[in-house]
PDB file of all heavy atoms in Angstrom:
ATOM      1  N   ARG A   1      -5.384  -8.108   1.714  1.00  0.00           N
ATOM      2  CA  ARG A   1      -4.265  -8.471   2.583  1.00  0.00           C
ATOM      3  C   ARG A   1      -3.445  -9.598   1.956  1.00  0.00           C
ATOM      4  O   ARG A   1      -2.173  -9.541   1.937  1.00  0.00           O
ATOM      5  CB  ARG A   1      -4.743  -8.831   3.984  1.00  0.00           C
ATOM      6  CG  ARG A   1      -3.578  -9.196   4.905  1.00  0.00           C
ATOM      7  CD  ARG A   1      -3.995  -9.626   6.262  1.00  0.00           C
ATOM      8  NE  ARG A   1      -2.887 -10.156   7.044  1.00  0.00           N
ATOM      9  CZ  ARG A   1      -2.962 -10.872   8.160  1.00  0.00           C
ATOM     10  NH1 ARG A   1      -4.162 -11.123   8.648  1.00  0.00           N
ATOM     11  NH2 ARG A   1      -1.913 -11.335   8.715  1.00  0.00           N
ATOM     12  N   ILE A   2      -4.109 -10.640   1.452  1.00  0.00           N
ATOM     13  CA  ILE A   2      -3.392 -11.722   0.860  1.00  0.00           C
ATOM     14  C   ILE A   2      -2.647 -11.289  -0.389  1.00  0.00           C
ATOM     15  O   ILE A   2      -1.458 -11.652  -0.614  1.00  0.00           O
ATOM     16  CB  ILE A   2      -4.345 -12.889   0.537  1.00  0.00           C
ATOM     17  CG1 ILE A   2      -4.917 -13.498   1.850  1.00  0.00           C
ATOM     18  CG2 ILE A   2      -3.674 -13.993  -0.231  1.00  0.00           C
ATOM     19  CD1 ILE A   2      -6.011 -14.501   1.603  1.00  0.00           C
ATOM     20  N   ASN A   3      -3.276 -10.448  -1.194  1.00  0.00           N
ATOM     21  CA  ASN A   3      -2.601  -9.948  -2.414  1.00  0.00           C
ATOM     22  C   ASN A   3      -1.383  -9.137  -2.050  1.00  0.00           C
ATOM     23  O   ASN A   3      -0.303  -9.297  -2.660  1.00  0.00           O
ATOM     24  CB  ASN A   3      -3.601  -9.123  -3.228  1.00  0.00           C
ATOM     25  CG  ASN A   3      -4.325  -9.980  -4.279  1.00  0.00           C
ATOM     26  OD1 ASN A   3      -3.825 -10.971  -4.730  1.00  0.00           O
ATOM     27  ND2 ASN A   3      -5.522  -9.487  -4.632  1.00  0.00           N
ATOM     28  N   GLU A   4      -1.525  -8.209  -1.132  1.00  0.00           N
ATOM     29  CA  GLU A   4      -0.477  -7.225  -0.899  1.00  0.00           C
ATOM     30  C   GLU A   4       0.675  -7.714  -0.006  1.00  0.00           C
ATOM     31  O   GLU A   4       1.837  -7.406  -0.213  1.00  0.00           O
ATOM     32  CB  GLU A   4      -1.088  -5.919  -0.292  1.00  0.00           C
ATOM     33  CG  GLU A   4      -2.046  -5.201  -1.261  1.00  0.00           C
ATOM     34  CD  GLU A   4      -2.702  -4.025  -0.598  1.00  0.00           C
ATOM     35  OE1 GLU A   4      -2.390  -3.748   0.577  1.00  0.00           O
ATOM     36  OE2 GLU A   4      -3.544  -3.406  -1.262  1.00  0.00           O
ATOM     37  N   GLN A   5       0.303  -8.421   1.073  1.00  0.00           N
ATOM     38  CA  GLN A   5       1.293  -8.767   2.116  1.00  0.00           C
ATOM     39  C   GLN A   5       1.742 -10.201   2.086  1.00  0.00           C
ATOM     40  O   GLN A   5       2.744 -10.545   2.733  1.00  0.00           O
ATOM     41  CB  GLN A   5       0.655  -8.471   3.478  1.00  0.00           C
ATOM     42  CG  GLN A   5       0.234  -7.002   3.650  1.00  0.00           C
ATOM     43  CD  GLN A   5      -0.491  -6.774   4.991  1.00  0.00           C
ATOM     44  OE1 GLN A   5      -0.313  -7.528   5.924  1.00  0.00           O
ATOM     45  NE2 GLN A   5      -1.186  -5.659   5.063  1.00  0.00           N
ATOM     46  N   ILE A   6       1.041 -11.068   1.341  1.00  0.00           N
ATOM     47  CA  ILE A   6       1.412 -12.490   1.336  1.00  0.00           C
ATOM     48  C   ILE A   6       1.801 -12.929  -0.041  1.00  0.00           C
ATOM     49  O   ILE A   6       2.898 -13.472  -0.251  1.00  0.00           O
ATOM     50  CB  ILE A   6       0.250 -13.325   1.879  1.00  0.00           C
ATOM     51  CG1 ILE A   6      -0.045 -12.922   3.366  1.00  0.00           C
ATOM     52  CG2 ILE A   6       0.559 -14.788   1.760  1.00  0.00           C
ATOM     53  CD1 ILE A   6      -1.265 -13.535   3.916  1.00  0.00           C
ATOM     54  N   LYS A   7       0.987 -12.675  -1.052  1.00  0.00           N
ATOM     55  CA  LYS A   7       1.277 -13.097  -2.380  1.00  0.00           C
ATOM     56  C   LYS A   7       2.125 -12.036  -3.136  1.00  0.00           C
ATOM     57  O   LYS A   7       2.802 -12.403  -4.140  1.00  0.00           O
ATOM     58  CB  LYS A   7      -0.020 -13.277  -3.207  1.00  0.00           C
ATOM     59  CG  LYS A   7      -0.984 -14.302  -2.613  1.00  0.00           C
ATOM     60  CD  LYS A   7      -0.663 -15.691  -3.013  1.00  0.00           C
ATOM     61  CE  LYS A   7      -1.071 -16.022  -4.409  1.00  0.00           C
ATOM     62  NZ  LYS A   7      -0.918 -17.431  -4.736  1.00  0.00           N
ATOM     63  N   PHE A   8       2.137 -10.793  -2.627  1.00  0.00           N
ATOM     64  CA  PHE A   8       2.934  -9.730  -3.258  1.00  0.00           C
ATOM     65  C   PHE A   8       2.561  -9.553  -4.740  1.00  0.00           C
ATOM     66  O   PHE A   8       3.413  -9.539  -5.628  1.00  0.00           O
ATOM     67  CB  PHE A   8       4.435  -9.959  -3.112  1.00  0.00           C
ATOM     68  CG  PHE A   8       4.854 -10.108  -1.678  1.00  0.00           C
ATOM     69  CD1 PHE A   8       5.532 -11.269  -1.302  1.00  0.00           C
ATOM     70  CD2 PHE A   8       4.576  -9.174  -0.743  1.00  0.00           C
ATOM     71  CE1 PHE A   8       5.944 -11.467   0.005  1.00  0.00           C
ATOM     72  CE2 PHE A   8       4.990  -9.352   0.566  1.00  0.00           C
ATOM     73  CZ  PHE A   8       5.685 -10.450   0.939  1.00  0.00           C
ATOM     74  N   ARG A   9       1.267  -9.498  -5.010  1.00  0.00           N
ATOM     75  CA  ARG A   9       0.810  -9.360  -6.416  1.00  0.00           C
ATOM     76  C   ARG A   9      -0.129  -8.244  -6.583  1.00  0.00           C
ATOM     77  O   ARG A   9      -0.488  -7.566  -5.586  1.00  0.00           O
ATOM     78  CB  ARG A   9       0.215 -10.693  -6.876  1.00  0.00           C
ATOM     79  CG  ARG A   9      -1.091 -11.084  -6.200  1.00  0.00           C
ATOM     80  CD  ARG A   9      -1.616 -12.413  -6.669  1.00  0.00           C
ATOM     81  NE  ARG A   9      -3.047 -12.542  -6.358  1.00  0.00           N
ATOM     82  CZ  ARG A   9      -3.789 -13.552  -6.712  1.00  0.00           C
ATOM     83  NH1 ARG A   9      -3.278 -14.551  -7.404  1.00  0.00           N
ATOM     84  NH2 ARG A   9      -5.061 -13.605  -6.413  1.00  0.00           N
ATOM     85  N   GLU A  10      -0.614  -8.015  -7.759  1.00  0.00           N
ATOM     86  CA  GLU A  10      -1.501  -6.896  -8.063  1.00  0.00           C
ATOM     87  C   GLU A  10      -2.791  -6.931  -7.200  1.00  0.00           C
ATOM     88  O   GLU A  10      -3.409  -7.977  -7.071  1.00  0.00           O
ATOM     89  CB  GLU A  10      -1.897  -6.902  -9.561  1.00  0.00           C
ATOM     90  CG  GLU A  10      -0.736  -6.801 -10.475  1.00  0.00           C
ATOM     91  CD  GLU A  10      -0.209  -8.154 -10.919  1.00  0.00           C
ATOM     92  OE1 GLU A  10      -0.495  -9.159 -10.231  1.00  0.00           O
ATOM     93  OE2 GLU A  10       0.554  -8.225 -11.891  1.00  0.00           O
ATOM     94  N   ARG A  11      -3.167  -5.779  -6.676  1.00  0.00           N
ATOM     95  CA  ARG A  11      -4.281  -5.718  -5.756  1.00  0.00           C
ATOM     96  C   ARG A  11      -5.589  -6.104  -6.435  1.00  0.00           C
ATOM     97  O   ARG A  11      -6.483  -6.620  -5.729  1.00  0.00           O
ATOM     98  CB  ARG A  11      -4.376  -4.255  -5.218  1.00  0.00           C
ATOM     99  CG  ARG A  11      -5.490  -4.094  -4.172  1.00  0.00           C
ATOM    100  CD  ARG A  11      -5.469  -2.701  -3.554  1.00  0.00           C
ATOM    101  NE  ARG A  11      -6.465  -2.581  -2.560  1.00  0.00           N
ATOM    102  CZ  ARG A  11      -6.628  -1.466  -1.789  1.00  0.00           C
ATOM    103  NH1 ARG A  11      -5.810  -0.457  -1.932  1.00  0.00           N
ATOM    104  NH2 ARG A  11      -7.603  -1.433  -0.886  1.00  0.00           N
ATOM    105  N   TRP A  12      -5.747  -5.884  -7.708  1.00  0.00           N
ATOM    106  CA  TRP A  12      -6.994  -6.121  -8.368  1.00  0.00           C
ATOM    107  C   TRP A  12      -7.228  -7.640  -8.733  1.00  0.00           C
ATOM    108  O   TRP A  12      -8.245  -8.030  -9.237  1.00  0.00           O
ATOM    109  CB  TRP A  12      -7.123  -5.341  -9.687  1.00  0.00           C
ATOM    110  CG  TRP A  12      -5.879  -5.342 -10.519  1.00  0.00           C
ATOM    111  CD1 TRP A  12      -4.857  -4.430 -10.511  1.00  0.00           C
ATOM    112  CD2 TRP A  12      -5.541  -6.303 -11.468  1.00  0.00           C
ATOM    113  NE1 TRP A  12      -3.890  -4.769 -11.386  1.00  0.00           N
ATOM    114  CE2 TRP A  12      -4.278  -5.940 -12.019  1.00  0.00           C
ATOM    115  CE3 TRP A  12      -6.137  -7.442 -11.993  1.00  0.00           C
ATOM    116  CZ2 TRP A  12      -3.640  -6.629 -13.048  1.00  0.00           C
ATOM    117  CZ3 TRP A  12      -5.542  -8.177 -12.997  1.00  0.00           C
ATOM    118  CH2 TRP A  12      -4.310  -7.792 -13.509  1.00  0.00           C
ATOM    119  N   ARG A  13      -6.224  -8.483  -8.462  1.00  0.00           N
ATOM    120  CA  ARG A  13      -6.342  -9.870  -8.821  1.00  0.00           C
ATOM    121  C   ARG A  13      -7.372 -10.556  -7.974  1.00  0.00           C
ATOM    122  O   ARG A  13      -7.369 -10.473  -6.740  1.00  0.00           O
ATOM    123  CB  ARG A  13      -4.966 -10.562  -8.686  1.00  0.00           C
ATOM    124  CG  ARG A  13      -3.911 -10.037  -9.636  1.00  0.00           C
ATOM    125  CD  ARG A  13      -3.818 -10.820 -10.886  1.00  0.00           C
ATOM    126  NE  ARG A  13      -3.461 -12.212 -10.553  1.00  0.00           N
ATOM    127  CZ  ARG A  13      -2.224 -12.648 -10.316  1.00  0.00           C
ATOM    128  NH1 ARG A  13      -1.224 -11.777 -10.366  1.00  0.00           N
ATOM    129  NH2 ARG A  13      -1.990 -13.910 -10.065  1.00  0.00           N
ATOM    130  N   PRO A  14      -8.289 -11.371  -8.586  1.00  0.00           N
ATOM    131  CA  PRO A  14      -9.363 -12.010  -7.798  1.00  0.00           C
ATOM    132  C   PRO A  14      -8.952 -13.335  -7.189  1.00  0.00           C
ATOM    133  O   PRO A  14      -7.974 -13.950  -7.559  1.00  0.00           O
ATOM    134  CB  PRO A  14     -10.409 -12.236  -8.884  1.00  0.00           C
ATOM    135  CG  PRO A  14      -9.649 -12.468 -10.124  1.00  0.00           C
ATOM    136  CD  PRO A  14      -8.437 -11.572 -10.021  1.00  0.00           C
ATOM    137  N   PHE A  15      -9.730 -13.760  -6.188  1.00  0.00           N
ATOM    138  CA  PHE A  15      -9.594 -15.031  -5.627  1.00  0.00           C
ATOM    139  C   PHE A  15     -10.889 -15.879  -5.817  1.00  0.00           C
ATOM    140  O   PHE A  15     -11.929 -15.295  -5.943  1.00  0.00           O
ATOM    141  CB  PHE A  15      -9.359 -14.942  -4.110  1.00  0.00           C
ATOM    142  CG  PHE A  15      -8.019 -14.341  -3.780  1.00  0.00           C
ATOM    143  CD1 PHE A  15      -7.925 -13.050  -3.227  1.00  0.00           C
ATOM    144  CD2 PHE A  15      -6.841 -14.995  -4.007  1.00  0.00           C
ATOM    145  CE1 PHE A  15      -6.689 -12.487  -2.927  1.00  0.00           C
ATOM    146  CE2 PHE A  15      -5.640 -14.458  -3.686  1.00  0.00           C
ATOM    147  CZ  PHE A  15      -5.534 -13.202  -3.146  1.00  0.00           C
ATOM    148  N   GLY A  16     -10.715 -17.184  -5.783  1.00  0.00           N
ATOM    149  CA  GLY A  16     -11.877 -18.033  -6.045  1.00  0.00           C
ATOM    150  C   GLY A  16     -12.372 -18.652  -4.749  1.00  0.00           C
ATOM    151  O   GLY A  16     -11.630 -18.791  -3.769  1.00  0.00           O
ATOM    152  N   PRO A  17     -13.615 -19.068  -4.688  1.00  0.00           N
ATOM    153  CA  PRO A  17     -14.178 -19.754  -3.553  1.00  0.00           C
ATOM    154  C   PRO A  17     -14.093 -21.263  -3.732  1.00  0.00           C
ATOM    155  O   PRO A  17     -14.298 -21.806  -4.833  1.00  0.00           O
ATOM    156  CB  PRO A  17     -15.615 -19.303  -3.518  1.00  0.00           C
ATOM    157  CG  PRO A  17     -15.943 -19.135  -5.012  1.00  0.00           C
ATOM    158  CD  PRO A  17     -14.678 -18.651  -5.667  1.00  0.00           C
ATOM    159  N   ALA A  18     -13.868 -21.946  -2.627  1.00  0.00           N
ATOM    160  CA  ALA A  18     -14.082 -23.404  -2.579  1.00  0.00           C
ATOM    161  C   ALA A  18     -15.260 -23.620  -1.669  1.00  0.00           C
ATOM    162  O   ALA A  18     -15.357 -23.005  -0.612  1.00  0.00           O
ATOM    163  CB  ALA A  18     -12.883 -24.141  -2.037  1.00  0.00           C
ATOM    164  N   MET A  19     -16.216 -24.459  -2.096  1.00  0.00           N
ATOM    165  CA  MET A  19     -17.448 -24.582  -1.338  1.00  0.00           C
ATOM    166  C   MET A  19     -17.905 -26.035  -1.249  1.00  0.00           C
ATOM    167  O   MET A  19     -17.498 -26.885  -2.017  1.00  0.00           O
ATOM    168  CB  MET A  19     -18.577 -23.741  -1.987  1.00  0.00           C
ATOM    169  CG  MET A  19     -18.961 -24.251  -3.376  1.00  0.00           C
ATOM    170  SD  MET A  19     -19.887 -22.989  -4.295  1.00  0.00           S
ATOM    171  CE  MET A  19     -18.640 -21.725  -4.532  1.00  0.00           C
ATOM    172  N   LEU A  20     -18.727 -26.275  -0.259  1.00  0.00           N
ATOM    173  CA  LEU A  20     -19.308 -27.619  -0.124  1.00  0.00           C
ATOM    174  C   LEU A  20     -20.252 -27.925  -1.272  1.00  0.00           C
ATOM    175  O   LEU A  20     -20.916 -26.988  -1.769  1.00  0.00           O
ATOM    176  CB  LEU A  20     -20.115 -27.678   1.234  1.00  0.00           C
ATOM    177  CG  LEU A  20     -19.319 -27.384   2.506  1.00  0.00           C
ATOM    178  CD1 LEU A  20     -20.276 -27.407   3.692  1.00  0.00           C
ATOM    179  CD2 LEU A  20     -18.155 -28.307   2.661  1.00  0.00           C
ATOM    180  N   ASP A  21     -20.249 -29.158  -1.697  1.00  0.00           N
ATOM    181  CA  ASP A  21     -21.112 -29.515  -2.861  1.00  0.00           C
ATOM    182  C   ASP A  21     -22.547 -29.163  -2.647  1.00  0.00           C
ATOM    183  O   ASP A  21     -23.304 -28.875  -3.579  1.00  0.00           O
ATOM    184  CB  ASP A  21     -20.906 -30.970  -3.254  1.00  0.00           C
ATOM    185  CG  ASP A  21     -20.978 -31.941  -2.064  1.00  0.00           C
ATOM    186  OD1 ASP A  21     -21.276 -31.481  -0.943  1.00  0.00           O
ATOM    187  OD2 ASP A  21     -20.708 -33.124  -2.295  1.00  0.00           O
ATOM    188  N   ARG A  22     -23.051 -29.252  -1.390  1.00  0.00           N
ATOM    189  CA  ARG A  22     -24.454 -28.968  -1.078  1.00  0.00           C
ATOM    190  C   ARG A  22     -24.735 -27.469  -1.112  1.00  0.00           C
ATOM    191  O   ARG A  22     -25.890 -27.021  -1.161  1.00  0.00           O
ATOM    192  CB  ARG A  22     -24.907 -29.625   0.197  1.00  0.00           C
ATOM    193  CG  ARG A  22     -24.082 -29.206   1.412  1.00  0.00           C
ATOM    194  CD  ARG A  22     -24.610 -29.851   2.647  1.00  0.00           C
ATOM    195  NE  ARG A  22     -23.731 -29.671   3.823  1.00  0.00           N
ATOM    196  CZ  ARG A  22     -23.627 -28.533   4.517  1.00  0.00           C
ATOM    197  NH1 ARG A  22     -24.361 -27.488   4.157  1.00  0.00           N
ATOM    198  NH2 ARG A  22     -22.768 -28.433   5.532  1.00  0.00           N
ATOM    199  N   VAL A  23     -23.672 -26.623  -0.999  1.00  0.00           N
ATOM    200  CA  VAL A  23     -23.833 -25.182  -0.995  1.00  0.00           C
ATOM    201  C   VAL A  23     -23.852 -24.621  -2.410  1.00  0.00           C
ATOM    202  O   VAL A  23     -24.475 -23.613  -2.703  1.00  0.00           O
ATOM    203  CB  VAL A  23     -22.715 -24.527  -0.143  1.00  0.00           C
ATOM    204  CG1 VAL A  23     -22.719 -23.031  -0.322  1.00  0.00           C
ATOM    205  CG2 VAL A  23     -22.866 -24.930   1.366  1.00  0.00           C
ATOM    206  N   ALA A  24     -23.153 -25.307  -3.313  1.00  0.00           N
ATOM    207  CA  ALA A  24     -22.984 -24.791  -4.693  1.00  0.00           C
ATOM    208  C   ALA A  24     -24.330 -24.443  -5.355  1.00  0.00           C
ATOM    209  O   ALA A  24     -24.452 -23.369  -5.957  1.00  0.00           O
ATOM    210  CB  ALA A  24     -22.195 -25.787  -5.536  1.00  0.00           C
ATOM    211  N   PRO A  25     -25.358 -25.292  -5.309  1.00  0.00           N
ATOM    212  CA  PRO A  25     -26.626 -24.937  -5.944  1.00  0.00           C
ATOM    213  C   PRO A  25     -27.256 -23.655  -5.433  1.00  0.00           C
ATOM    214  O   PRO A  25     -28.024 -23.001  -6.098  1.00  0.00           O
ATOM    215  CB  PRO A  25     -27.482 -26.176  -5.745  1.00  0.00           C
ATOM    216  CG  PRO A  25     -26.565 -27.276  -5.432  1.00  0.00           C
ATOM    217  CD  PRO A  25     -25.412 -26.642  -4.692  1.00  0.00           C
ATOM    218  N   GLN A  26     -26.961 -23.318  -4.144  1.00  0.00           N
ATOM    219  CA  GLN A  26     -27.541 -22.096  -3.593  1.00  0.00           C
ATOM    220  C   GLN A  26     -26.787 -20.867  -4.038  1.00  0.00           C
ATOM    221  O   GLN A  26     -27.368 -19.814  -4.257  1.00  0.00           O
ATOM    222  CB  GLN A  26     -27.500 -22.190  -2.050  1.00  0.00           C
ATOM    223  CG  GLN A  26     -28.139 -23.384  -1.399  1.00  0.00           C
ATOM    224  CD  GLN A  26     -27.736 -23.559   0.060  1.00  0.00           C
ATOM    225  OE1 GLN A  26     -27.513 -22.558   0.744  1.00  0.00           O
ATOM    226  NE2 GLN A  26     -27.596 -24.785   0.542  1.00  0.00           N
ATOM    227  N   MET A  27     -25.468 -20.992  -4.164  1.00  0.00           N
ATOM    228  CA  MET A  27     -24.621 -19.824  -4.365  1.00  0.00           C
ATOM    229  C   MET A  27     -24.394 -19.545  -5.887  1.00  0.00           C
ATOM    230  O   MET A  27     -24.278 -18.383  -6.289  1.00  0.00           O
ATOM    231  CB  MET A  27     -23.246 -20.011  -3.723  1.00  0.00           C
ATOM    232  CG  MET A  27     -22.311 -18.870  -3.918  1.00  0.00           C
ATOM    233  SD  MET A  27     -20.768 -19.123  -2.995  1.00  0.00           S
ATOM    234  CE  MET A  27     -19.703 -17.922  -3.773  1.00  0.00           C
ATOM    235  N   LEU A  28     -24.319 -20.597  -6.698  1.00  0.00           N
ATOM    236  CA  LEU A  28     -23.970 -20.438  -8.079  1.00  0.00           C
ATOM    237  C   LEU A  28     -25.152 -20.589  -9.051  1.00  0.00           C
ATOM    238  O   LEU A  28     -26.006 -21.463  -8.801  1.00  0.00           O
ATOM    239  CB  LEU A  28     -22.913 -21.490  -8.430  1.00  0.00           C
ATOM    240  CG  LEU A  28     -21.683 -21.541  -7.565  1.00  0.00           C
ATOM    241  CD1 LEU A  28     -20.764 -22.657  -8.032  1.00  0.00           C
ATOM    242  CD2 LEU A  28     -20.935 -20.224  -7.569  1.00  0.00           C
ATOM    243  N   ALA A  29     -25.187 -19.719 -10.020  1.00  0.00           N
ATOM    244  CA  ALA A  29     -26.229 -19.872 -11.057  1.00  0.00           C
ATOM    245  C   ALA A  29     -25.796 -20.908 -12.081  1.00  0.00           C
ATOM    246  O   ALA A  29     -24.667 -20.880 -12.589  1.00  0.00           O
ATOM    247  CB  ALA A  29     -26.430 -18.529 -11.743  1.00  0.00           C
ATOM    248  N   GLY A  30     -26.704 -21.845 -12.365  1.00  0.00           N
ATOM    249  CA  GLY A  30     -26.363 -22.885 -13.272  1.00  0.00           C
ATOM    250  C   GLY A  30     -25.854 -24.111 -12.551  1.00  0.00           C
ATOM    251  O   GLY A  30     -25.276 -24.010 -11.444  1.00  0.00           O
ATOM    252  N   VAL A  31     -26.097 -25.280 -13.136  1.00  0.00           N
ATOM    253  CA  VAL A  31     -25.698 -26.530 -12.513  1.00  0.00           C
ATOM    254  C   VAL A  31     -24.693 -27.191 -13.396  1.00  0.00           C
ATOM    255  O   VAL A  31     -25.013 -27.567 -14.555  1.00  0.00           O
ATOM    256  CB  VAL A  31     -26.908 -27.469 -12.244  1.00  0.00           C
ATOM    257  CG1 VAL A  31     -26.467 -28.782 -11.668  1.00  0.00           C
ATOM    258  CG2 VAL A  31     -27.925 -26.741 -11.339  1.00  0.00           C
ATOM    259  N   HIS A  32     -23.454 -27.322 -12.945  1.00  0.00           N
ATOM    260  CA  HIS A  32     -22.437 -27.997 -13.741  1.00  0.00           C
ATOM    261  C   HIS A  32     -21.336 -28.423 -12.752  1.00  0.00           C
ATOM    262  O   HIS A  32     -21.037 -27.791 -11.747  1.00  0.00           O
ATOM    263  CB  HIS A  32     -21.831 -27.063 -14.783  1.00  0.00           C
ATOM    264  CG  HIS A  32     -21.083 -27.766 -15.830  1.00  0.00           C
ATOM    265  ND1 HIS A  32     -19.766 -28.216 -15.663  1.00  0.00           N
ATOM    266  CD2 HIS A  32     -21.415 -28.157 -17.081  1.00  0.00           C
ATOM    267  CE1 HIS A  32     -19.359 -28.807 -16.786  1.00  0.00           C
ATOM    268  NE2 HIS A  32     -20.341 -28.832 -17.635  1.00  0.00           N
ATOM    269  N   LEU A  33     -20.737 -29.583 -13.084  1.00  0.00           N
ATOM    270  CA  LEU A  33     -19.599 -30.058 -12.257  1.00  0.00           C
ATOM    271  C   LEU A  33     -18.481 -29.048 -12.290  1.00  0.00           C
ATOM    272  O   LEU A  33     -18.107 -28.481 -13.344  1.00  0.00           O
ATOM    273  CB  LEU A  33     -19.100 -31.449 -12.799  1.00  0.00           C
ATOM    274  CG  LEU A  33     -20.060 -32.578 -12.732  1.00  0.00           C
ATOM    275  CD1 LEU A  33     -19.485 -33.817 -13.430  1.00  0.00           C
ATOM    276  CD2 LEU A  33     -20.395 -32.922 -11.258  1.00  0.00           C
ATOM    277  N   ALA A  34     -17.887 -28.817 -11.128  1.00  0.00           N
ATOM    278  CA  ALA A  34     -16.810 -27.781 -11.066  1.00  0.00           C
ATOM    279  C   ALA A  34     -15.793 -28.195  -9.974  1.00  0.00           C
ATOM    280  O   ALA A  34     -15.632 -27.486  -9.021  1.00  0.00           O
ATOM    281  CB  ALA A  34     -17.385 -26.433 -10.754  1.00  0.00           C
ATOM    282  N   PRO A  35     -15.131 -29.326 -10.129  1.00  0.00           N
ATOM    283  CA  PRO A  35     -14.133 -29.736  -9.139  1.00  0.00           C
ATOM    284  C   PRO A  35     -12.778 -29.114  -9.239  1.00  0.00           C
ATOM    285  O   PRO A  35     -11.983 -29.204  -8.332  1.00  0.00           O
ATOM    286  CB  PRO A  35     -14.034 -31.261  -9.341  1.00  0.00           C
ATOM    287  CG  PRO A  35     -14.274 -31.406 -10.829  1.00  0.00           C
ATOM    288  CD  PRO A  35     -15.287 -30.358 -11.207  1.00  0.00           C
ATOM    289  N   PHE A  36     -12.489 -28.430 -10.384  1.00  0.00           N
ATOM    290  CA  PHE A  36     -11.114 -28.013 -10.688  1.00  0.00           C
ATOM    291  C   PHE A  36     -10.867 -26.526 -10.825  1.00  0.00           C
ATOM    292  O   PHE A  36      -9.866 -26.085 -11.272  1.00  0.00           O
ATOM    293  CB  PHE A  36     -10.644 -28.701 -11.985  1.00  0.00           C
ATOM    294  CG  PHE A  36     -10.723 -30.205 -11.968  1.00  0.00           C
ATOM    295  CD1 PHE A  36     -11.387 -30.882 -12.975  1.00  0.00           C
ATOM    296  CD2 PHE A  36     -10.167 -30.945 -10.914  1.00  0.00           C
ATOM    297  CE1 PHE A  36     -11.455 -32.264 -12.988  1.00  0.00           C
ATOM    298  CE2 PHE A  36     -10.251 -32.342 -10.936  1.00  0.00           C
ATOM    299  CZ  PHE A  36     -10.874 -32.979 -11.935  1.00  0.00           C
ATOM    300  N   MET A  37     -11.867 -25.660 -10.506  1.00  0.00           N
ATOM    301  CA  MET A  37     -11.709 -24.266 -10.683  1.00  0.00           C
ATOM    302  C   MET A  37     -11.451 -23.874 -12.159  1.00  0.00           C
ATOM    303  O   MET A  37     -10.626 -23.050 -12.487  1.00  0.00           O
ATOM    304  CB  MET A  37     -10.676 -23.627  -9.784  1.00  0.00           C
ATOM    305  CG  MET A  37     -11.107 -23.330  -8.380  1.00  0.00           C
ATOM    306  SD  MET A  37      -9.928 -22.314  -7.484  1.00  0.00           S
ATOM    307  CE  MET A  37     -10.929 -21.835  -6.057  1.00  0.00           C
ATOM    308  N   THR A  38     -12.157 -24.553 -13.075  1.00  0.00           N
ATOM    309  CA  THR A  38     -11.965 -24.272 -14.479  1.00  0.00           C
ATOM    310  C   THR A  38     -13.168 -23.588 -15.120  1.00  0.00           C
ATOM    311  O   THR A  38     -13.268 -23.444 -16.326  1.00  0.00           O
ATOM    312  CB  THR A  38     -11.675 -25.578 -15.240  1.00  0.00           C
ATOM    313  OG1 THR A  38     -12.694 -26.518 -14.921  1.00  0.00           O
ATOM    314  CG2 THR A  38     -10.313 -26.116 -14.929  1.00  0.00           C
ATOM    315  N   LEU A  39     -14.118 -23.171 -14.244  1.00  0.00           N
ATOM    316  CA  LEU A  39     -15.312 -22.454 -14.698  1.00  0.00           C
ATOM    317  C   LEU A  39     -15.559 -21.257 -13.805  1.00  0.00           C
ATOM    318  O   LEU A  39     -15.327 -21.340 -12.612  1.00  0.00           O
ATOM    319  CB  LEU A  39     -16.557 -23.386 -14.670  1.00  0.00           C
ATOM    320  CG  LEU A  39     -16.723 -24.463 -15.659  1.00  0.00           C
ATOM    321  CD1 LEU A  39     -17.816 -25.396 -15.254  1.00  0.00           C
ATOM    322  CD2 LEU A  39     -17.046 -23.862 -17.034  1.00  0.00           C
TER     323      LEU A  39
END
């Protein structure tokens, strides 16, 4: 919905998650600082 009706961009384009720092070790494989969506 965001791709098609709001951003008006290609449907296959992905979105990223923002998460609490205490959730990251549960959801993500590997431990590394990631404050900027560059990984």
